[in-house]
């Protein structure tokens, strides 16, 4: 679980890092739950998730 209650997603780089973490866990057959996102962060994350590359 990633708890973002004390955090704020300001830009695409944050979404890219969260994507990279969840992808690494998924590759190992694990799932990640993200909790505590405020409304602004949820909107930004939803708009960018899966569209960024960390390479």
PDB file of N, CA and C in Angstrom:
ATOM      1  N   UNK A   1       0.839  -1.167   0.000  1.00  0.00           N
ATOM      2  CA  UNK A   1       0.000   0.000   0.000  1.00  0.00           C
ATOM      3  C   UNK A   1       0.890   1.238   0.000  1.00  0.00           C
ATOM      4  N   UNK A   2       0.510   2.195  -0.821  1.00  0.00           N
ATOM      5  CA  UNK A   2       1.177   3.496  -0.850  1.00  0.00           C
ATOM      6  C   UNK A   2       0.186   4.500  -0.278  1.00  0.00           C
ATOM      7  N   UNK A   3       0.554   5.106   0.839  1.00  0.00           N
ATOM      8  CA  UNK A   3      -0.323   6.078   1.493  1.00  0.00           C
ATOM      9  C   UNK A   3       0.136   7.486   1.134  1.00  0.00           C
ATOM     10  N   UNK A   4      -0.711   8.193   0.397  1.00  0.00           N
ATOM     11  CA  UNK A   4      -0.385   9.542  -0.051  1.00  0.00           C
ATOM     12  C   UNK A   4      -1.156  10.607   0.720  1.00  0.00           C
ATOM     13  N   UNK A   5      -1.646  10.269   1.929  1.00  0.00           N
ATOM     14  CA  UNK A   5      -2.432  11.240   2.678  1.00  0.00           C
ATOM     15  C   UNK A   5      -1.658  12.492   3.037  1.00  0.00           C
ATOM     16  N   UNK A   6      -0.366  12.409   3.183  1.00  0.00           N
ATOM     17  CA  UNK A   6       0.434  13.586   3.533  1.00  0.00           C
ATOM     18  C   UNK A   6       1.194  14.110   2.315  1.00  0.00           C
ATOM     19  N   UNK A   7       0.774  13.695   1.119  1.00  0.00           N
ATOM     20  CA  UNK A   7       1.497  14.076  -0.101  1.00  0.00           C
ATOM     21  C   UNK A   7       0.546  14.743  -1.090  1.00  0.00           C
ATOM     22  N   UNK A   8       1.137  15.328  -2.112  1.00  0.00           N
ATOM     23  CA  UNK A   8       0.372  15.964  -3.171  1.00  0.00           C
ATOM     24  C   UNK A   8       1.071  15.683  -4.497  1.00  0.00           C
ATOM     25  N   UNK A   9       0.317  15.262  -5.487  1.00  0.00           N
ATOM     26  CA  UNK A   9       0.894  15.027  -6.809  1.00  0.00           C
ATOM     27  C   UNK A   9       0.912  16.357  -7.546  1.00  0.00           C
ATOM     28  N   UNK A  10       2.108  16.899  -7.717  1.00  0.00           N
ATOM     29  CA  UNK A  10       2.268  18.206  -8.354  1.00  0.00           C
ATOM     30  C   UNK A  10       2.472  18.122  -9.855  1.00  0.00           C
ATOM     31  N   UNK A  11       3.110  17.036 -10.331  1.00  0.00           N
ATOM     32  CA  UNK A  11       3.444  16.994 -11.747  1.00  0.00           C
ATOM     33  C   UNK A  11       3.533  15.565 -12.259  1.00  0.00           C
ATOM     34  N   UNK A  12       3.837  15.451 -13.539  1.00  0.00           N
ATOM     35  CA  UNK A  12       3.888  14.147 -14.196  1.00  0.00           C
ATOM     36  C   UNK A  12       4.980  13.243 -13.649  1.00  0.00           C
ATOM     37  N   UNK A  13       6.052  13.819 -13.127  1.00  0.00           N
ATOM     38  CA  UNK A  13       7.140  12.969 -12.620  1.00  0.00           C
ATOM     39  C   UNK A  13       6.681  12.136 -11.424  1.00  0.00           C
ATOM     40  N   UNK A  14       5.802  12.681 -10.602  1.00  0.00           N
ATOM     41  CA  UNK A  14       5.278  11.920  -9.477  1.00  0.00           C
ATOM     42  C   UNK A  14       4.428  10.753  -9.967  1.00  0.00           C
ATOM     43  N   UNK A  15       3.595  10.994 -10.954  1.00  0.00           N
ATOM     44  CA  UNK A  15       2.768   9.932 -11.521  1.00  0.00           C
ATOM     45  C   UNK A  15       3.656   8.866 -12.156  1.00  0.00           C
ATOM     46  N   UNK A  16       4.716   9.272 -12.826  1.00  0.00           N
ATOM     47  CA  UNK A  16       5.637   8.323 -13.455  1.00  0.00           C
ATOM     48  C   UNK A  16       6.289   7.417 -12.407  1.00  0.00           C
ATOM     49  N   UNK A  17       6.651   7.975 -11.275  1.00  0.00           N
ATOM     50  CA  UNK A  17       7.264   7.174 -10.213  1.00  0.00           C
ATOM     51  C   UNK A  17       6.251   6.176  -9.645  1.00  0.00           C
ATOM     52  N   UNK A  18       5.036   6.634  -9.406  1.00  0.00           N
ATOM     53  CA  UNK A  18       3.997   5.731  -8.904  1.00  0.00           C
ATOM     54  C   UNK A  18       3.725   4.620  -9.916  1.00  0.00           C
ATOM     55  N   UNK A  19       3.666   4.960 -11.200  1.00  0.00           N
ATOM     56  CA  UNK A  19       3.496   3.953 -12.257  1.00  0.00           C
ATOM     57  C   UNK A  19       4.633   2.940 -12.245  1.00  0.00           C
ATOM     58  N   UNK A  20       5.865   3.420 -12.094  1.00  0.00           N
ATOM     59  CA  UNK A  20       7.028   2.526 -12.089  1.00  0.00           C
ATOM     60  C   UNK A  20       6.967   1.557 -10.908  1.00  0.00           C
ATOM     61  N   UNK A  21       6.582   2.063  -9.757  1.00  0.00           N
ATOM     62  CA  UNK A  21       6.475   1.209  -8.575  1.00  0.00           C
ATOM     63  C   UNK A  21       5.405   0.139  -8.778  1.00  0.00           C
ATOM     64  N   UNK A  22       4.231   0.556  -9.235  1.00  0.00           N
ATOM     65  CA  UNK A  22       3.159  -0.426  -9.419  1.00  0.00           C
ATOM     66  C   UNK A  22       3.501  -1.435 -10.513  1.00  0.00           C
ATOM     67  N   UNK A  23       4.206  -1.001 -11.556  1.00  0.00           N
ATOM     68  CA  UNK A  23       4.616  -1.919 -12.626  1.00  0.00           C
ATOM     69  C   UNK A  23       5.613  -2.957 -12.111  1.00  0.00           C
ATOM     70  N   UNK A  24       6.554  -2.537 -11.272  1.00  0.00           N
ATOM     71  CA  UNK A  24       7.534  -3.481 -10.722  1.00  0.00           C
ATOM     72  C   UNK A  24       6.854  -4.529  -9.859  1.00  0.00           C
ATOM     73  N   UNK A  25       5.891  -4.109  -9.055  1.00  0.00           N
ATOM     74  CA  UNK A  25       5.154  -5.072  -8.240  1.00  0.00           C
ATOM     75  C   UNK A  25       4.306  -5.984  -9.113  1.00  0.00           C
ATOM     76  N   UNK A  26       3.652  -5.425 -10.131  1.00  0.00           N
ATOM     77  CA  UNK A  26       2.815  -6.221 -11.034  1.00  0.00           C
ATOM     78  C   UNK A  26       3.642  -7.290 -11.742  1.00  0.00           C
ATOM     79  N   UNK A  27       4.867  -6.957 -12.110  1.00  0.00           N
ATOM     80  CA  UNK A  27       5.745  -7.917 -12.770  1.00  0.00           C
ATOM     81  C   UNK A  27       6.067  -9.102 -11.867  1.00  0.00           C
ATOM     82  N   UNK A  28       5.911  -8.914 -10.570  1.00  0.00           N
ATOM     83  CA  UNK A  28       6.154  -9.979  -9.596  1.00  0.00           C
ATOM     84  C   UNK A  28       4.856 -10.601  -9.090  1.00  0.00           C
ATOM     85  N   UNK A  29       3.750 -10.263  -9.773  1.00  0.00           N
ATOM     86  CA  UNK A  29       2.462 -10.838  -9.418  1.00  0.00           C
ATOM     87  C   UNK A  29       1.808 -10.210  -8.195  1.00  0.00           C
ATOM     88  N   UNK A  30       2.266  -9.047  -7.818  1.00  0.00           N
ATOM     89  CA  UNK A  30       1.723  -8.347  -6.650  1.00  0.00           C
ATOM     90  C   UNK A  30       0.924  -7.132  -7.097  1.00  0.00           C
ATOM     91  N   UNK A  31       0.009  -6.685  -6.259  1.00  0.00           N
ATOM     92  CA  UNK A  31      -0.747  -5.480  -6.575  1.00  0.00           C
ATOM     93  C   UNK A  31      -0.436  -4.412  -5.536  1.00  0.00           C
ATOM     94  N   UNK A  32      -0.634  -3.179  -5.931  1.00  0.00           N
ATOM     95  CA  UNK A  32      -0.378  -2.037  -5.066  1.00  0.00           C
ATOM     96  C   UNK A  32      -1.687  -1.265  -4.917  1.00  0.00           C
ATOM     97  N   UNK A  33      -1.997  -0.899  -3.693  1.00  0.00           N
ATOM     98  CA  UNK A  33      -3.156  -0.063  -3.413  1.00  0.00           C
ATOM     99  C   UNK A  33      -2.653   1.323  -3.037  1.00  0.00           C
ATOM    100  N   UNK A  34      -3.214   2.331  -3.683  1.00  0.00           N
ATOM    101  CA  UNK A  34      -2.848   3.711  -3.378  1.00  0.00           C
ATOM    102  C   UNK A  34      -3.997   4.323  -2.580  1.00  0.00           C
ATOM    103  N   UNK A  35      -3.685   4.858  -1.420  1.00  0.00           N
ATOM    104  CA  UNK A  35      -4.712   5.440  -0.560  1.00  0.00           C
ATOM    105  C   UNK A  35      -4.366   6.883  -0.211  1.00  0.00           C
ATOM    106  N   UNK A  36      -5.358   7.609   0.249  1.00  0.00           N
ATOM    107  CA  UNK A  36      -5.145   8.937   0.808  1.00  0.00           C
ATOM    108  C   UNK A  36      -4.945  10.065  -0.175  1.00  0.00           C
ATOM    109  N   UNK A  37      -5.155   9.827  -1.466  1.00  0.00           N
ATOM    110  CA  UNK A  37      -4.957  10.899  -2.443  1.00  0.00           C
ATOM    111  C   UNK A  37      -6.032  11.958  -2.297  1.00  0.00           C
ATOM    112  N   UNK A  38      -5.611  13.223  -2.279  1.00  0.00           N
ATOM    113  CA  UNK A  38      -6.606  14.293  -2.257  1.00  0.00           C
ATOM    114  C   UNK A  38      -7.223  14.428  -3.654  1.00  0.00           C
ATOM    115  N   UNK A  39      -8.277  15.214  -3.754  1.00  0.00           N
ATOM    116  CA  UNK A  39      -9.013  15.310  -5.020  1.00  0.00           C
ATOM    117  C   UNK A  39      -8.147  15.796  -6.179  1.00  0.00           C
ATOM    118  N   UNK A  40      -7.359  16.826  -5.972  1.00  0.00           N
ATOM    119  CA  UNK A  40      -6.489  17.354  -7.027  1.00  0.00           C
ATOM    120  C   UNK A  40      -5.508  16.284  -7.492  1.00  0.00           C
ATOM    121  N   UNK A  41      -4.916  15.572  -6.553  1.00  0.00           N
ATOM    122  CA  UNK A  41      -3.960  14.517  -6.899  1.00  0.00           C
ATOM    123  C   UNK A  41      -4.643  13.378  -7.649  1.00  0.00           C
ATOM    124  N   UNK A  42      -5.855  13.000  -7.236  1.00  0.00           N
ATOM    125  CA  UNK A  42      -6.604  11.940  -7.930  1.00  0.00           C
ATOM    126  C   UNK A  42      -6.868  12.325  -9.375  1.00  0.00           C
ATOM    127  N   UNK A  43      -7.251  13.582  -9.600  1.00  0.00           N
ATOM    128  CA  UNK A  43      -7.535  14.048 -10.963  1.00  0.00           C
ATOM    129  C   UNK A  43      -6.270  14.016 -11.810  1.00  0.00           C
ATOM    130  N   UNK A  44      -5.171  14.540 -11.276  1.00  0.00           N
ATOM    131  CA  UNK A  44      -3.903  14.561 -12.014  1.00  0.00           C
ATOM    132  C   UNK A  44      -3.429  13.135 -12.297  1.00  0.00           C
ATOM    133  N   UNK A  45      -3.510  12.265 -11.289  1.00  0.00           N
ATOM    134  CA  UNK A  45      -3.076  10.877 -11.458  1.00  0.00           C
ATOM    135  C   UNK A  45      -3.921  10.178 -12.517  1.00  0.00           C
ATOM    136  N   UNK A  46      -5.243  10.340 -12.447  1.00  0.00           N
ATOM    137  CA  UNK A  46      -6.136   9.699 -13.415  1.00  0.00           C
ATOM    138  C   UNK A  46      -5.856  10.177 -14.843  1.00  0.00           C
ATOM    139  N   UNK A  47      -5.505  11.435 -14.993  1.00  0.00           N
ATOM    140  CA  UNK A  47      -5.245  11.989 -16.322  1.00  0.00           C
ATOM    141  C   UNK A  47      -3.940  11.474 -16.925  1.00  0.00           C
ATOM    142  N   UNK A  48      -2.992  11.094 -16.071  1.00  0.00           N
ATOM    143  CA  UNK A  48      -1.661  10.749 -16.577  1.00  0.00           C
ATOM    144  C   UNK A  48      -1.264   9.287 -16.411  1.00  0.00           C
ATOM    145  N   UNK A  49      -1.941   8.544 -15.548  1.00  0.00           N
ATOM    146  CA  UNK A  49      -1.535   7.175 -15.258  1.00  0.00           C
ATOM    147  C   UNK A  49      -1.487   6.334 -16.548  1.00  0.00           C
ATOM    148  N   UNK A  50      -0.412   5.579 -16.685  1.00  0.00           N
ATOM    149  CA  UNK A  50      -0.248   4.710 -17.849  1.00  0.00           C
ATOM    150  C   UNK A  50       0.199   5.413 -19.116  1.00  0.00           C
ATOM    151  N   UNK A  51       0.368   6.717 -19.078  1.00  0.00           N
ATOM    152  CA  UNK A  51       0.745   7.480 -20.294  1.00  0.00           C
ATOM    153  C   UNK A  51       2.191   7.950 -20.270  1.00  0.00           C
ATOM    154  N   UNK A  52       2.899   7.631 -19.204  1.00  0.00           N
ATOM    155  CA  UNK A  52       4.259   8.148 -19.042  1.00  0.00           C
ATOM    156  C   UNK A  52       5.256   7.005 -19.059  1.00  0.00           C
ATOM    157  N   UNK A  53       6.450   7.331 -19.415  1.00  0.00           N
ATOM    158  CA  UNK A  53       7.534   6.348 -19.415  1.00  0.00           C
ATOM    159  C   UNK A  53       8.616   6.813 -18.453  1.00  0.00           C
ATOM    160  N   UNK A  54       9.183   5.879 -17.699  1.00  0.00           N
ATOM    161  CA  UNK A  54      10.259   6.218 -16.768  1.00  0.00           C
ATOM    162  C   UNK A  54      11.620   5.924 -17.385  1.00  0.00           C
ATOM    163  N   UNK A  55      11.664   5.631 -18.663  1.00  0.00           N
ATOM    164  CA  UNK A  55      12.952   5.307 -19.319  1.00  0.00           C
ATOM    165  C   UNK A  55      13.656   6.556 -19.755  1.00  0.00           C
TER     166      UNK A  55
END
